[in-house]
């Protein structure tokens, strides 16, 4: 079990807090939005580098997502 989106967590947190302040905390809305191509490419590279760390067994201490791999006992 580990977290994901650790490296981008400060941006995710700031974005969600700004959205909550702008709309009001009770109003739910999807945070999915289309980003400009160059920015999306940079963010993708960050996530790919984080995925490489996770594959090497690095346990990330926090993030905006949680990854859990479970195996059924033999």
PDB file of N, CA and C in Angstrom:
ATOM      1  N   UNK A   1       0.854  -1.168   0.000  1.00  0.00           N
ATOM      2  CA  UNK A   1       0.000   0.000   0.000  1.00  0.00           C
ATOM      3  C   UNK A   1       0.900   1.231   0.000  1.00  0.00           C
ATOM      4  N   UNK A   2       0.572   2.172  -0.846  1.00  0.00           N
ATOM      5  CA  UNK A   2       1.302   3.432  -0.897  1.00  0.00           C
ATOM      6  C   UNK A   2       0.395   4.519  -1.459  1.00  0.00           C
ATOM      7  N   UNK A   3       0.829   5.727  -1.309  1.00  0.00           N
ATOM      8  CA  UNK A   3       0.107   6.849  -1.898  1.00  0.00           C
ATOM      9  C   UNK A   3       0.630   7.111  -3.300  1.00  0.00           C
ATOM     10  N   UNK A   4      -0.138   7.848  -4.076  1.00  0.00           N
ATOM     11  CA  UNK A   4       0.272   8.306  -5.402  1.00  0.00           C
ATOM     12  C   UNK A   4      -0.092   9.784  -5.511  1.00  0.00           C
ATOM     13  N   UNK A   5       0.448  10.432  -6.503  1.00  0.00           N
ATOM     14  CA  UNK A   5       0.264  11.872  -6.697  1.00  0.00           C
ATOM     15  C   UNK A   5       0.856  12.660  -5.532  1.00  0.00           C
ATOM     16  N   UNK A   6       1.962  12.161  -5.013  1.00  0.00           N
ATOM     17  CA  UNK A   6       2.657  12.814  -3.906  1.00  0.00           C
ATOM     18  C   UNK A   6       3.356  14.088  -4.373  1.00  0.00           C
ATOM     19  N   UNK A   7       4.062  14.014  -5.489  1.00  0.00           N
ATOM     20  CA  UNK A   7       4.829  15.155  -5.968  1.00  0.00           C
ATOM     21  C   UNK A   7       3.928  16.321  -6.384  1.00  0.00           C
ATOM     22  N   UNK A   8       2.730  16.010  -6.848  1.00  0.00           N
ATOM     23  CA  UNK A   8       1.797  17.051  -7.264  1.00  0.00           C
ATOM     24  C   UNK A   8       0.791  17.424  -6.170  1.00  0.00           C
ATOM     25  N   UNK A   9       0.911  16.797  -5.006  1.00  0.00           N
ATOM     26  CA  UNK A   9      -0.061  17.024  -3.947  1.00  0.00           C
ATOM     27  C   UNK A   9      -0.222  18.500  -3.566  1.00  0.00           C
ATOM     28  N   UNK A  10       0.857  19.275  -3.429  1.00  0.00           N
ATOM     29  CA  UNK A  10       0.655  20.698  -3.094  1.00  0.00           C
ATOM     30  C   UNK A  10      -0.193  21.432  -4.135  1.00  0.00           C
ATOM     31  N   UNK A  11      -0.017  21.113  -5.405  1.00  0.00           N
ATOM     32  CA  UNK A  11      -0.832  21.748  -6.447  1.00  0.00           C
ATOM     33  C   UNK A  11      -2.286  21.287  -6.373  1.00  0.00           C
ATOM     34  N   UNK A  12      -2.486  19.999  -6.119  1.00  0.00           N
ATOM     35  CA  UNK A  12      -3.842  19.459  -5.994  1.00  0.00           C
ATOM     36  C   UNK A  12      -4.552  20.117  -4.820  1.00  0.00           C
ATOM     37  N   UNK A  13      -3.875  20.206  -3.684  1.00  0.00           N
ATOM     38  CA  UNK A  13      -4.465  20.802  -2.491  1.00  0.00           C
ATOM     39  C   UNK A  13      -4.820  22.261  -2.730  1.00  0.00           C
ATOM     40  N   UNK A  14      -3.891  23.021  -3.293  1.00  0.00           N
ATOM     41  CA  UNK A  14      -4.144  24.443  -3.558  1.00  0.00           C
ATOM     42  C   UNK A  14      -5.314  24.615  -4.521  1.00  0.00           C
ATOM     43  N   UNK A  15      -5.361  23.789  -5.547  1.00  0.00           N
ATOM     44  CA  UNK A  15      -6.442  23.873  -6.528  1.00  0.00           C
ATOM     45  C   UNK A  15      -7.792  23.560  -5.899  1.00  0.00           C
ATOM     46  N   UNK A  16      -7.829  22.521  -5.078  1.00  0.00           N
ATOM     47  CA  UNK A  16      -9.104  22.136  -4.444  1.00  0.00           C
ATOM     48  C   UNK A  16      -9.555  23.158  -3.410  1.00  0.00           C
ATOM     49  N   UNK A  17      -8.612  23.716  -2.672  1.00  0.00           N
ATOM     50  CA  UNK A  17      -8.983  24.756  -1.705  1.00  0.00           C
ATOM     51  C   UNK A  17      -9.500  26.002  -2.415  1.00  0.00           C
ATOM     52  N   UNK A  18      -8.840  26.409  -3.482  1.00  0.00           N
ATOM     53  CA  UNK A  18      -9.288  27.579  -4.238  1.00  0.00           C
ATOM     54  C   UNK A  18     -10.674  27.345  -4.825  1.00  0.00           C
ATOM     55  N   UNK A  19     -10.905  26.147  -5.343  1.00  0.00           N
ATOM     56  CA  UNK A  19     -12.216  25.808  -5.908  1.00  0.00           C
ATOM     57  C   UNK A  19     -13.297  25.824  -4.835  1.00  0.00           C
ATOM     58  N   UNK A  20     -12.993  25.286  -3.658  1.00  0.00           N
ATOM     59  CA  UNK A  20     -13.968  25.273  -2.563  1.00  0.00           C
ATOM     60  C   UNK A  20     -14.295  26.693  -2.110  1.00  0.00           C
ATOM     61  N   UNK A  21     -13.300  27.539  -2.039  1.00  0.00           N
ATOM     62  CA  UNK A  21     -13.546  28.931  -1.641  1.00  0.00           C
ATOM     63  C   UNK A  21     -14.351  29.672  -2.700  1.00  0.00           C
ATOM     64  N   UNK A  22     -14.070  29.378  -3.945  1.00  0.00           N
ATOM     65  CA  UNK A  22     -14.755  30.071  -5.033  1.00  0.00           C
ATOM     66  C   UNK A  22     -16.214  29.634  -5.157  1.00  0.00           C
ATOM     67  N   UNK A  23     -16.468  28.347  -5.025  1.00  0.00           N
ATOM     68  CA  UNK A  23     -17.818  27.815  -5.226  1.00  0.00           C
ATOM     69  C   UNK A  23     -18.610  27.638  -3.936  1.00  0.00           C
ATOM     70  N   UNK A  24     -17.931  27.495  -2.827  1.00  0.00           N
ATOM     71  CA  UNK A  24     -18.597  27.138  -1.586  1.00  0.00           C
ATOM     72  C   UNK A  24     -18.347  25.663  -1.326  1.00  0.00           C
ATOM     73  N   UNK A  25     -18.027  25.325  -0.108  1.00  0.00           N
ATOM     74  CA  UNK A  25     -17.612  23.969   0.243  1.00  0.00           C
ATOM     75  C   UNK A  25     -18.706  22.929   0.014  1.00  0.00           C
ATOM     76  N   UNK A  26     -19.981  23.326   0.041  1.00  0.00           N
ATOM     77  CA  UNK A  26     -21.076  22.361  -0.078  1.00  0.00           C
ATOM     78  C   UNK A  26     -21.409  21.995  -1.525  1.00  0.00           C
ATOM     79  N   UNK A  27     -20.930  22.755  -2.472  1.00  0.00           N
ATOM     80  CA  UNK A  27     -21.274  22.523  -3.866  1.00  0.00           C
ATOM     81  C   UNK A  27     -20.261  21.583  -4.515  1.00  0.00           C
ATOM     82  N   UNK A  28     -20.685  20.366  -4.791  1.00  0.00           N
ATOM     83  CA  UNK A  28     -19.787  19.368  -5.387  1.00  0.00           C
ATOM     84  C   UNK A  28     -19.671  19.619  -6.889  1.00  0.00           C
ATOM     85  N   UNK A  29     -18.463  19.439  -7.402  1.00  0.00           N
ATOM     86  CA  UNK A  29     -18.230  19.580  -8.836  1.00  0.00           C
ATOM     87  C   UNK A  29     -16.965  18.827  -9.207  1.00  0.00           C
ATOM     88  N   UNK A  30     -16.954  18.262 -10.375  1.00  0.00           N
ATOM     89  CA  UNK A  30     -15.787  17.529 -10.840  1.00  0.00           C
ATOM     90  C   UNK A  30     -14.616  18.483 -11.041  1.00  0.00           C
ATOM     91  N   UNK A  31     -13.410  18.019 -10.688  1.00  0.00           N
ATOM     92  CA  UNK A  31     -12.220  18.836 -10.889  1.00  0.00           C
ATOM     93  C   UNK A  31     -11.513  18.468 -12.191  1.00  0.00           C
ATOM     94  N   UNK A  32     -12.152  17.640 -13.008  1.00  0.00           N
ATOM     95  CA  UNK A  32     -11.566  17.258 -14.296  1.00  0.00           C
ATOM     96  C   UNK A  32     -11.740  18.390 -15.285  1.00  0.00           C
ATOM     97  N   UNK A  33     -10.629  18.862 -15.808  1.00  0.00           N
ATOM     98  CA  UNK A  33     -10.687  19.886 -16.844  1.00  0.00           C
ATOM     99  C   UNK A  33      -9.539  19.668 -17.812  1.00  0.00           C
ATOM    100  N   UNK A  34      -9.736  20.099 -19.018  1.00  0.00           N
ATOM    101  CA  UNK A  34      -8.717  19.932 -20.050  1.00  0.00           C
ATOM    102  C   UNK A  34      -7.620  20.973 -19.848  1.00  0.00           C
ATOM    103  N   UNK A  35      -6.383  20.505 -19.896  1.00  0.00           N
ATOM    104  CA  UNK A  35      -5.237  21.387 -19.705  1.00  0.00           C
ATOM    105  C   UNK A  35      -4.529  21.608 -21.039  1.00  0.00           C
ATOM    106  N   UNK A  36      -3.831  22.722 -21.168  1.00  0.00           N
ATOM    107  CA  UNK A  36      -3.046  22.943 -22.395  1.00  0.00           C
ATOM    108  C   UNK A  36      -2.018  21.822 -22.574  1.00  0.00           C
ATOM    109  N   UNK A  37      -1.745  21.461 -23.809  1.00  0.00           N
ATOM    110  CA  UNK A  37      -0.846  20.354 -24.138  1.00  0.00           C
ATOM    111  C   UNK A  37       0.505  20.396 -23.441  1.00  0.00           C
ATOM    112  N   UNK A  38       1.234  21.524 -23.473  1.00  0.00           N
ATOM    113  CA  UNK A  38       2.553  21.566 -22.824  1.00  0.00           C
ATOM    114  C   UNK A  38       2.482  21.327 -21.309  1.00  0.00           C
ATOM    115  N   UNK A  39       1.474  21.909 -20.665  1.00  0.00           N
ATOM    116  CA  UNK A  39       1.322  21.704 -19.220  1.00  0.00           C
ATOM    117  C   UNK A  39       0.973  20.250 -18.931  1.00  0.00           C
ATOM    118  N   UNK A  40       0.102  19.685 -19.732  1.00  0.00           N
ATOM    119  CA  UNK A  40      -0.270  18.286 -19.561  1.00  0.00           C
ATOM    120  C   UNK A  40       0.944  17.381 -19.727  1.00  0.00           C
ATOM    121  N   UNK A  41       1.830  17.704 -20.666  1.00  0.00           N
ATOM    122  CA  UNK A  41       3.044  16.910 -20.895  1.00  0.00           C
ATOM    123  C   UNK A  41       3.965  16.955 -19.681  1.00  0.00           C
ATOM    124  N   UNK A  42       4.107  18.124 -19.064  1.00  0.00           N
ATOM    125  CA  UNK A  42       4.946  18.257 -17.867  1.00  0.00           C
ATOM    126  C   UNK A  42       4.357  17.443 -16.716  1.00  0.00           C
ATOM    127  N   UNK A  43       3.062  17.569 -16.502  1.00  0.00           N
ATOM    128  CA  UNK A  43       2.409  16.836 -15.412  1.00  0.00           C
ATOM    129  C   UNK A  43       2.505  15.330 -15.638  1.00  0.00           C
ATOM    130  N   UNK A  44       2.380  14.905 -16.887  1.00  0.00           N
ATOM    131  CA  UNK A  44       2.502  13.483 -17.218  1.00  0.00           C
ATOM    132  C   UNK A  44       3.897  12.965 -16.868  1.00  0.00           C
ATOM    133  N   UNK A  45       4.929  13.735 -17.185  1.00  0.00           N
ATOM    134  CA  UNK A  45       6.307  13.331 -16.867  1.00  0.00           C
ATOM    135  C   UNK A  45       6.501  13.198 -15.356  1.00  0.00           C
ATOM    136  N   UNK A  46       5.922  14.118 -14.601  1.00  0.00           N
ATOM    137  CA  UNK A  46       6.022  14.051 -13.140  1.00  0.00           C
ATOM    138  C   UNK A  46       5.371  12.761 -12.639  1.00  0.00           C
ATOM    139  N   UNK A  47       4.174  12.441 -13.137  1.00  0.00           N
ATOM    140  CA  UNK A  47       3.476  11.229 -12.703  1.00  0.00           C
ATOM    141  C   UNK A  47       4.201   9.963 -13.141  1.00  0.00           C
ATOM    142  N   UNK A  48       4.800   9.977 -14.317  1.00  0.00           N
ATOM    143  CA  UNK A  48       5.573   8.817 -14.763  1.00  0.00           C
ATOM    144  C   UNK A  48       6.810   8.603 -13.896  1.00  0.00           C
ATOM    145  N   UNK A  49       7.462   9.685 -13.486  1.00  0.00           N
ATOM    146  CA  UNK A  49       8.631   9.530 -12.611  1.00  0.00           C
ATOM    147  C   UNK A  49       8.215   9.002 -11.243  1.00  0.00           C
ATOM    148  N   UNK A  50       7.065   9.443 -10.761  1.00  0.00           N
ATOM    149  CA  UNK A  50       6.553   8.931  -9.487  1.00  0.00           C
ATOM    150  C   UNK A  50       6.194   7.448  -9.615  1.00  0.00           C
ATOM    151  N   UNK A  51       5.598   7.060 -10.725  1.00  0.00           N
ATOM    152  CA  UNK A  51       5.250   5.656 -10.950  1.00  0.00           C
ATOM    153  C   UNK A  51       6.506   4.787 -10.956  1.00  0.00           C
ATOM    154  N   UNK A  52       7.595   5.299 -11.528  1.00  0.00           N
ATOM    155  CA  UNK A  52       8.859   4.553 -11.529  1.00  0.00           C
ATOM    156  C   UNK A  52       9.360   4.339 -10.105  1.00  0.00           C
ATOM    157  N   UNK A  53       9.217   5.343  -9.255  1.00  0.00           N
ATOM    158  CA  UNK A  53       9.616   5.202  -7.849  1.00  0.00           C
ATOM    159  C   UNK A  53       8.789   4.121  -7.162  1.00  0.00           C
ATOM    160  N   UNK A  54       7.495   4.148  -7.398  1.00  0.00           N
ATOM    161  CA  UNK A  54       6.596   3.172  -6.768  1.00  0.00           C
ATOM    162  C   UNK A  54       6.946   1.759  -7.231  1.00  0.00           C
ATOM    163  N   UNK A  55       7.226   1.592  -8.531  1.00  0.00           N
ATOM    164  CA  UNK A  55       7.606   0.267  -9.050  1.00  0.00           C
ATOM    165  C   UNK A  55       8.894  -0.233  -8.407  1.00  0.00           C
ATOM    166  N   UNK A  56       9.768   0.669  -8.007  1.00  0.00           N
ATOM    167  CA  UNK A  56      11.021   0.280  -7.345  1.00  0.00           C
ATOM    168  C   UNK A  56      10.824   0.011  -5.852  1.00  0.00           C
ATOM    169  N   UNK A  57       9.594   0.139  -5.370  1.00  0.00           N
ATOM    170  CA  UNK A  57       9.298  -0.170  -3.982  1.00  0.00           C
ATOM    171  C   UNK A  57       9.357   1.006  -3.026  1.00  0.00           C
ATOM    172  N   UNK A  58       9.472   2.210  -3.558  1.00  0.00           N
ATOM    173  CA  UNK A  58       9.487   3.399  -2.695  1.00  0.00           C
ATOM    174  C   UNK A  58       8.071   3.628  -2.167  1.00  0.00           C
ATOM    175  N   UNK A  59       7.942   3.755  -0.865  1.00  0.00           N
ATOM    176  CA  UNK A  59       6.664   4.038  -0.227  1.00  0.00           C
ATOM    177  C   UNK A  59       6.516   5.540  -0.083  1.00  0.00           C
ATOM    178  N   UNK A  60       5.549   6.120  -0.754  1.00  0.00           N
ATOM    179  CA  UNK A  60       5.337   7.559  -0.680  1.00  0.00           C
ATOM    180  C   UNK A  60       4.514   7.885   0.573  1.00  0.00           C
ATOM    181  N   UNK A  61       4.897   8.914   1.333  1.00  0.00           N
ATOM    182  CA  UNK A  61       4.288   9.178   2.631  1.00  0.00           C
ATOM    183  C   UNK A  61       2.902   9.828   2.584  1.00  0.00           C
ATOM    184  N   UNK A  62       2.543  10.458   1.466  1.00  0.00           N
ATOM    185  CA  UNK A  62       1.237  11.112   1.340  1.00  0.00           C
ATOM    186  C   UNK A  62       0.954  11.320  -0.138  1.00  0.00           C
ATOM    187  N   UNK A  63      -0.247  11.688  -0.458  1.00  0.00           N
ATOM    188  CA  UNK A  63      -0.620  11.949  -1.840  1.00  0.00           C
ATOM    189  C   UNK A  63      -2.119  12.137  -1.948  1.00  0.00           C
ATOM    190  N   UNK A  64      -2.590  12.365  -3.157  1.00  0.00           N
ATOM    191  CA  UNK A  64      -4.027  12.559  -3.342  1.00  0.00           C
ATOM    192  C   UNK A  64      -4.731  11.259  -3.740  1.00  0.00           C
ATOM    193  N   UNK A  65      -3.978  10.186  -3.910  1.00  0.00           N
ATOM    194  CA  UNK A  65      -4.546   8.872  -4.229  1.00  0.00           C
ATOM    195  C   UNK A  65      -3.843   7.797  -3.404  1.00  0.00           C
ATOM    196  N   UNK A  66      -4.548   6.722  -3.172  1.00  0.00           N
ATOM    197  CA  UNK A  66      -4.004   5.595  -2.428  1.00  0.00           C
ATOM    198  C   UNK A  66      -4.016   4.376  -3.338  1.00  0.00           C
ATOM    199  N   UNK A  67      -2.893   3.669  -3.383  1.00  0.00           N
ATOM    200  CA  UNK A  67      -2.787   2.453  -4.193  1.00  0.00           C
ATOM    201  C   UNK A  67      -2.633   1.272  -3.243  1.00  0.00           C
ATOM    202  N   UNK A  68      -3.485   0.271  -3.438  1.00  0.00           N
ATOM    203  CA  UNK A  68      -3.427  -0.941  -2.618  1.00  0.00           C
ATOM    204  C   UNK A  68      -3.445  -2.137  -3.559  1.00  0.00           C
ATOM    205  N   UNK A  69      -2.483  -3.020  -3.383  1.00  0.00           N
ATOM    206  CA  UNK A  69      -2.445  -4.269  -4.154  1.00  0.00           C
ATOM    207  C   UNK A  69      -2.662  -5.401  -3.162  1.00  0.00           C
ATOM    208  N   UNK A  70      -3.664  -6.208  -3.447  1.00  0.00           N
ATOM    209  CA  UNK A  70      -3.987  -7.329  -2.558  1.00  0.00           C
ATOM    210  C   UNK A  70      -3.897  -8.619  -3.361  1.00  0.00           C
ATOM    211  N   UNK A  71      -3.463  -9.666  -2.686  1.00  0.00           N
ATOM    212  CA  UNK A  71      -3.392 -10.980  -3.310  1.00  0.00           C
ATOM    213  C   UNK A  71      -4.189 -11.965  -2.474  1.00  0.00           C
ATOM    214  N   UNK A  72      -4.910 -12.809  -3.165  1.00  0.00           N
ATOM    215  CA  UNK A  72      -5.676 -13.848  -2.488  1.00  0.00           C
ATOM    216  C   UNK A  72      -4.699 -14.898  -1.972  1.00  0.00           C
ATOM    217  N   UNK A  73      -4.844 -15.313  -0.725  1.00  0.00           N
ATOM    218  CA  UNK A  73      -3.935 -16.347  -0.183  1.00  0.00           C
ATOM    219  C   UNK A  73      -4.059 -17.639  -1.000  1.00  0.00           C
ATOM    220  N   UNK A  74      -2.934 -18.312  -1.172  1.00  0.00           N
ATOM    221  CA  UNK A  74      -2.913 -19.562  -1.962  1.00  0.00           C
ATOM    222  C   UNK A  74      -3.627 -20.682  -1.236  1.00  0.00           C
TER     223      UNK A  74
END
